[in-house]
C-alpha cells in the first residue's frame, strides 16, 4: 500500500515533538531551521533562522548542528515538511528536535512578538 503525503505527515507528526511557534521562540539558545525551498524562504525570511531546504537537510545539517544534543526547531509553510524533517533528524541521531506545527504566518507573528 502506498501512503499519501498527508498520511506520511500524520505519521511523522505522531512520532516527533510538535510545538507552536510561541513555544519554540521562548528558547533563545535553540537553532531554528527553515526547511522551505529557497524561493519560499527568500520571499519571507524568518530572522535568525538557518535556511536549509528539506531536500538537502541530511547532507548539510552537520555543518550547522554538530552536536546531537543541540535543541533544534524546524519550520516550513504549514508544519508538514518540518515534521518530516524532524523525523529524519531523529533517525540520524539528533535528540532534541521539534517541528513547529503551524502556518508560516503564525511563525512570523510569533517571531515578531518575542
N, C-alpha and C. Protein backbone atom coordinates (compact mmCIF):
# COMPACT_ATOMS: atom_id res chain seq x y z
N UNK A 1 0.84 -1.18 0.00
CA UNK A 1 0.00 0.00 0.00
C UNK A 1 0.89 1.25 0.00
N UNK A 2 0.61 2.15 -0.87
CA UNK A 2 1.34 3.41 -0.96
C UNK A 2 0.63 4.44 -0.09
N UNK A 3 1.42 5.10 0.77
CA UNK A 3 0.86 6.12 1.64
C UNK A 3 0.82 7.46 0.91
N UNK A 4 -0.20 8.23 1.19
CA UNK A 4 -0.29 9.58 0.62
C UNK A 4 0.58 10.53 1.45
N UNK A 5 0.85 11.69 0.92
CA UNK A 5 1.63 12.69 1.65
C UNK A 5 0.94 13.05 2.97
N UNK A 6 -0.36 13.32 2.99
CA UNK A 6 -1.00 13.62 4.29
C UNK A 6 -0.84 12.47 5.30
N UNK A 7 -0.87 11.24 4.82
CA UNK A 7 -0.68 10.11 5.73
C UNK A 7 0.75 10.07 6.27
N UNK A 8 1.73 10.32 5.40
CA UNK A 8 3.13 10.37 5.85
C UNK A 8 3.35 11.48 6.87
N UNK A 9 2.78 12.64 6.59
CA UNK A 9 2.92 13.77 7.52
C UNK A 9 2.26 13.45 8.85
N UNK A 10 1.09 12.84 8.82
CA UNK A 10 0.40 12.47 10.06
C UNK A 10 1.25 11.49 10.87
N UNK A 11 1.85 10.52 10.21
CA UNK A 11 2.73 9.58 10.91
C UNK A 11 3.93 10.31 11.52
N UNK A 12 4.52 11.23 10.75
CA UNK A 12 5.68 11.97 11.24
C UNK A 12 5.29 12.81 12.46
N UNK A 13 4.15 13.50 12.37
CA UNK A 13 3.72 14.33 13.49
C UNK A 13 3.45 13.51 14.74
N UNK A 14 3.05 12.27 14.56
CA UNK A 14 2.79 11.39 15.71
C UNK A 14 4.10 10.90 16.35
N UNK A 15 5.20 10.95 15.59
CA UNK A 15 6.45 10.40 16.10
C UNK A 15 7.47 11.46 16.52
N UNK A 16 7.15 12.73 16.34
CA UNK A 16 8.09 13.80 16.72
C UNK A 16 7.41 14.77 17.67
N UNK A 17 8.21 15.57 18.33
CA UNK A 17 7.68 16.61 19.20
C UNK A 17 7.22 17.78 18.33
N UNK A 18 5.95 18.11 18.39
CA UNK A 18 5.39 19.24 17.65
C UNK A 18 5.01 20.33 18.64
N UNK A 19 5.43 21.56 18.33
CA UNK A 19 5.17 22.69 19.21
C UNK A 19 4.64 23.87 18.41
N UNK A 20 4.07 24.81 19.11
CA UNK A 20 3.64 26.06 18.47
C UNK A 20 4.86 26.96 18.30
N UNK A 21 4.73 27.94 17.43
CA UNK A 21 5.83 28.90 17.24
C UNK A 21 6.10 29.67 18.52
N UNK A 22 5.06 30.02 19.25
CA UNK A 22 5.22 30.76 20.50
C UNK A 22 6.05 29.94 21.49
N UNK A 23 5.76 28.66 21.60
CA UNK A 23 6.54 27.79 22.49
C UNK A 23 8.00 27.73 22.04
N UNK A 24 8.22 27.56 20.75
CA UNK A 24 9.57 27.41 20.22
C UNK A 24 10.43 28.64 20.47
N UNK A 25 9.90 29.82 20.20
CA UNK A 25 10.69 31.03 20.31
C UNK A 25 10.98 31.45 21.75
N UNK A 26 10.44 30.74 22.72
CA UNK A 26 10.78 31.01 24.12
C UNK A 26 12.22 30.59 24.40
N UNK A 27 12.74 29.64 23.62
CA UNK A 27 14.09 29.15 23.83
C UNK A 27 15.06 29.92 22.95
N UNK A 28 15.73 30.89 23.51
CA UNK A 28 16.63 31.76 22.76
C UNK A 28 17.92 31.05 22.34
N UNK A 29 18.26 29.95 22.99
CA UNK A 29 19.51 29.25 22.70
C UNK A 29 19.37 28.20 21.60
N UNK A 30 18.18 27.93 21.16
CA UNK A 30 17.94 26.88 20.17
C UNK A 30 18.35 27.32 18.77
N UNK A 31 18.50 26.35 17.90
CA UNK A 31 18.75 26.58 16.48
C UNK A 31 17.40 26.47 15.77
N UNK A 32 17.10 27.44 14.91
CA UNK A 32 15.87 27.43 14.13
C UNK A 32 16.24 27.22 12.67
N UNK A 33 15.59 26.25 12.04
CA UNK A 33 15.89 25.92 10.65
C UNK A 33 14.62 25.98 9.82
N UNK A 34 14.70 26.76 8.75
CA UNK A 34 13.62 26.89 7.78
C UNK A 34 13.87 25.85 6.70
N UNK A 35 12.98 24.87 6.57
CA UNK A 35 13.18 23.79 5.60
C UNK A 35 12.41 24.01 4.30
N UNK A 36 11.88 25.23 4.10
CA UNK A 36 11.20 25.53 2.85
C UNK A 36 12.22 25.65 1.72
N UNK A 37 11.72 25.64 0.50
CA UNK A 37 12.58 25.82 -0.67
C UNK A 37 13.11 27.25 -0.70
N UNK A 38 14.27 27.48 -1.36
CA UNK A 38 14.88 28.81 -1.36
C UNK A 38 13.94 29.94 -1.81
N UNK A 39 13.16 29.73 -2.84
CA UNK A 39 12.25 30.79 -3.31
C UNK A 39 11.24 31.16 -2.23
N UNK A 40 10.75 30.17 -1.50
CA UNK A 40 9.80 30.43 -0.41
C UNK A 40 10.48 31.20 0.72
N UNK A 41 11.66 30.72 1.11
CA UNK A 41 12.38 31.35 2.21
C UNK A 41 12.76 32.78 1.89
N UNK A 42 13.26 33.00 0.68
CA UNK A 42 13.69 34.34 0.29
C UNK A 42 12.53 35.32 0.22
N UNK A 43 11.34 34.83 -0.06
CA UNK A 43 10.17 35.70 -0.15
C UNK A 43 9.68 36.14 1.23
N UNK A 44 9.99 35.37 2.26
CA UNK A 44 9.50 35.69 3.60
C UNK A 44 10.45 35.08 4.63
N UNK A 45 11.50 35.79 4.93
CA UNK A 45 12.56 35.29 5.80
C UNK A 45 12.16 35.42 7.27
N UNK A 46 12.47 34.38 8.03
CA UNK A 46 12.32 34.42 9.48
C UNK A 46 13.70 34.77 10.05
N UNK A 47 13.78 35.90 10.71
CA UNK A 47 15.05 36.38 11.25
C UNK A 47 15.70 35.33 12.16
N UNK A 48 16.99 35.16 12.00
CA UNK A 48 17.82 34.23 12.79
C UNK A 48 17.50 32.76 12.55
N UNK A 49 16.90 32.44 11.43
CA UNK A 49 16.68 31.03 11.05
C UNK A 49 17.69 30.65 9.98
N UNK A 50 18.25 29.49 10.12
CA UNK A 50 19.08 28.94 9.05
C UNK A 50 18.15 28.49 7.93
N UNK A 51 18.57 28.65 6.72
CA UNK A 51 17.78 28.20 5.59
C UNK A 51 18.44 26.95 5.01
N UNK A 52 17.86 25.80 5.32
CA UNK A 52 18.34 24.53 4.79
C UNK A 52 17.13 23.79 4.22
N UNK A 53 16.95 23.79 2.91
CA UNK A 53 15.78 23.14 2.32
C UNK A 53 15.68 21.66 2.71
N UNK A 54 14.47 21.20 2.85
CA UNK A 54 14.20 19.80 3.23
C UNK A 54 14.96 18.81 2.35
N UNK A 55 15.08 19.10 1.07
CA UNK A 55 15.73 18.17 0.15
C UNK A 55 17.22 17.97 0.36
N UNK A 56 17.87 18.90 1.07
CA UNK A 56 19.31 18.78 1.31
C UNK A 56 19.66 18.81 2.79
N UNK A 57 18.67 18.70 3.63
CA UNK A 57 18.87 18.81 5.08
C UNK A 57 19.88 17.79 5.59
N UNK A 58 19.71 16.54 5.22
CA UNK A 58 20.58 15.48 5.73
C UNK A 58 22.04 15.70 5.32
N UNK A 59 22.26 16.27 4.14
CA UNK A 59 23.62 16.50 3.66
C UNK A 59 24.28 17.70 4.33
N UNK A 60 23.50 18.65 4.84
CA UNK A 60 24.05 19.90 5.35
C UNK A 60 23.93 20.12 6.85
N UNK A 61 23.13 19.34 7.52
CA UNK A 61 22.83 19.61 8.93
C UNK A 61 24.07 19.59 9.83
N UNK A 62 25.00 18.69 9.59
CA UNK A 62 26.16 18.57 10.47
C UNK A 62 27.05 19.80 10.43
N UNK A 63 27.01 20.57 9.34
CA UNK A 63 27.80 21.81 9.26
C UNK A 63 27.33 22.82 10.30
N UNK A 64 26.05 22.82 10.57
CA UNK A 64 25.45 23.80 11.46
C UNK A 64 25.13 23.25 12.84
N UNK A 65 24.91 21.97 12.92
CA UNK A 65 24.49 21.34 14.17
C UNK A 65 25.34 20.08 14.40
N UNK A 66 26.59 20.26 14.83
CA UNK A 66 27.46 19.09 15.01
C UNK A 66 27.15 18.28 16.27
N UNK A 67 26.45 18.87 17.21
CA UNK A 67 26.14 18.22 18.48
C UNK A 67 24.75 17.60 18.43
N UNK A 68 24.63 16.29 18.60
CA UNK A 68 23.31 15.64 18.54
C UNK A 68 22.36 16.05 19.66
N UNK A 69 22.88 16.74 20.69
CA UNK A 69 22.04 17.19 21.80
C UNK A 69 21.55 18.62 21.64
N UNK A 70 21.96 19.31 20.57
CA UNK A 70 21.50 20.69 20.34
C UNK A 70 19.99 20.72 20.23
N UNK A 71 19.40 21.78 20.73
CA UNK A 71 17.96 21.94 20.60
C UNK A 71 17.68 22.57 19.24
N UNK A 72 16.90 21.88 18.42
CA UNK A 72 16.63 22.29 17.05
C UNK A 72 15.12 22.39 16.84
N UNK A 73 14.70 23.51 16.24
CA UNK A 73 13.30 23.70 15.86
C UNK A 73 13.25 23.89 14.34
N UNK A 74 12.40 23.12 13.69
CA UNK A 74 12.24 23.18 12.25
C UNK A 74 10.91 23.82 11.91
N UNK A 75 10.90 24.66 10.87
CA UNK A 75 9.64 25.26 10.44
C UNK A 75 9.57 25.30 8.93
N UNK A 76 8.36 25.40 8.41
CA UNK A 76 8.11 25.43 6.96
C UNK A 76 6.86 26.25 6.72
N UNK A 77 6.14 25.97 5.65
CA UNK A 77 4.94 26.75 5.33
C UNK A 77 3.73 26.32 6.14
N UNK A 78 3.62 25.03 6.46
CA UNK A 78 2.43 24.55 7.15
C UNK A 78 2.69 23.55 8.27
N UNK A 79 3.93 23.16 8.46
CA UNK A 79 4.26 22.18 9.50
C UNK A 79 4.52 20.79 8.98
N UNK A 80 4.10 20.49 7.76
CA UNK A 80 4.28 19.14 7.20
C UNK A 80 5.73 18.80 6.93
N UNK A 81 6.41 19.63 6.17
CA UNK A 81 7.82 19.37 5.87
C UNK A 81 8.67 19.44 7.14
N UNK A 82 8.29 20.31 8.06
CA UNK A 82 9.02 20.40 9.32
C UNK A 82 8.92 19.08 10.09
N UNK A 83 7.74 18.47 10.11
CA UNK A 83 7.56 17.19 10.80
C UNK A 83 8.36 16.08 10.11
N UNK A 84 8.32 16.04 8.78
CA UNK A 84 9.10 15.04 8.05
C UNK A 84 10.60 15.24 8.29
N UNK A 85 11.04 16.48 8.31
CA UNK A 85 12.45 16.77 8.56
C UNK A 85 12.85 16.39 9.98
N UNK A 86 12.00 16.69 10.95
CA UNK A 86 12.29 16.34 12.35
C UNK A 86 12.41 14.83 12.50
N UNK A 87 11.51 14.12 11.86
CA UNK A 87 11.55 12.66 11.91
C UNK A 87 12.89 12.14 11.35
N UNK A 88 13.34 12.71 10.26
CA UNK A 88 14.60 12.28 9.65
C UNK A 88 15.79 12.62 10.54
N UNK A 89 15.79 13.80 11.14
CA UNK A 89 16.89 14.16 12.03
C UNK A 89 16.96 13.24 13.24
N UNK A 90 15.80 12.83 13.74
CA UNK A 90 15.78 11.86 14.84
C UNK A 90 16.42 10.55 14.39
N UNK A 91 16.11 10.11 13.18
CA UNK A 91 16.71 8.88 12.65
C UNK A 91 18.23 9.01 12.56
N UNK A 92 18.69 10.23 12.28
CA UNK A 92 20.13 10.47 12.16
C UNK A 92 20.83 10.52 13.51
N UNK A 93 20.06 10.66 14.59
CA UNK A 93 20.65 10.66 15.92
C UNK A 93 20.49 11.94 16.72
N UNK A 94 19.82 12.94 16.15
CA UNK A 94 19.57 14.17 16.89
C UNK A 94 18.49 13.89 17.94
N UNK A 95 18.74 14.37 19.16
CA UNK A 95 17.87 14.00 20.28
C UNK A 95 16.86 15.06 20.69
N UNK A 96 17.10 16.33 20.36
CA UNK A 96 16.24 17.42 20.82
C UNK A 96 15.68 18.19 19.63
N UNK A 97 14.93 17.49 18.81
CA UNK A 97 14.37 18.08 17.59
C UNK A 97 12.87 18.25 17.76
N UNK A 98 12.38 19.41 17.34
CA UNK A 98 10.94 19.67 17.37
C UNK A 98 10.51 20.31 16.06
N UNK A 99 9.29 20.00 15.65
CA UNK A 99 8.68 20.62 14.47
C UNK A 99 7.72 21.70 14.94
N UNK A 100 7.84 22.88 14.34
CA UNK A 100 6.87 23.93 14.62
C UNK A 100 5.68 23.64 13.72
N UNK A 101 4.55 23.35 14.33
CA UNK A 101 3.42 22.77 13.59
C UNK A 101 2.31 23.77 13.30
N UNK A 102 2.71 24.94 12.79
CA UNK A 102 1.69 25.92 12.44
C UNK A 102 2.02 26.56 11.10
N UNK A 103 1.13 27.38 10.62
CA UNK A 103 1.31 28.07 9.35
C UNK A 103 2.46 29.08 9.44
N UNK A 104 3.07 29.35 8.30
CA UNK A 104 4.21 30.27 8.24
C UNK A 104 3.85 31.65 8.80
N UNK A 105 2.67 32.15 8.52
CA UNK A 105 2.27 33.46 9.05
C UNK A 105 2.24 33.47 10.58
N UNK A 106 1.88 32.36 11.18
CA UNK A 106 1.90 32.25 12.64
C UNK A 106 3.33 32.28 13.16
N UNK A 107 4.25 31.66 12.40
CA UNK A 107 5.67 31.68 12.78
C UNK A 107 6.17 33.12 12.73
N UNK A 108 5.84 33.83 11.66
CA UNK A 108 6.24 35.25 11.52
C UNK A 108 5.72 36.08 12.70
N UNK A 109 4.45 35.92 13.02
CA UNK A 109 3.85 36.70 14.11
C UNK A 109 4.51 36.39 15.45
N UNK A 110 4.76 35.11 15.71
CA UNK A 110 5.39 34.73 16.97
C UNK A 110 6.79 35.30 17.07
N UNK A 111 7.52 35.29 15.98
CA UNK A 111 8.88 35.82 15.98
C UNK A 111 8.86 37.33 16.23
N UNK A 112 7.91 38.04 15.62
CA UNK A 112 7.81 39.49 15.78
C UNK A 112 7.43 39.87 17.21
N UNK A 113 6.66 39.03 17.87
CA UNK A 113 6.16 39.38 19.20
C UNK A 113 7.09 38.93 20.34
N UNK A 114 8.20 38.33 20.02
CA UNK A 114 9.09 37.88 21.09
C UNK A 114 9.93 38.99 21.65
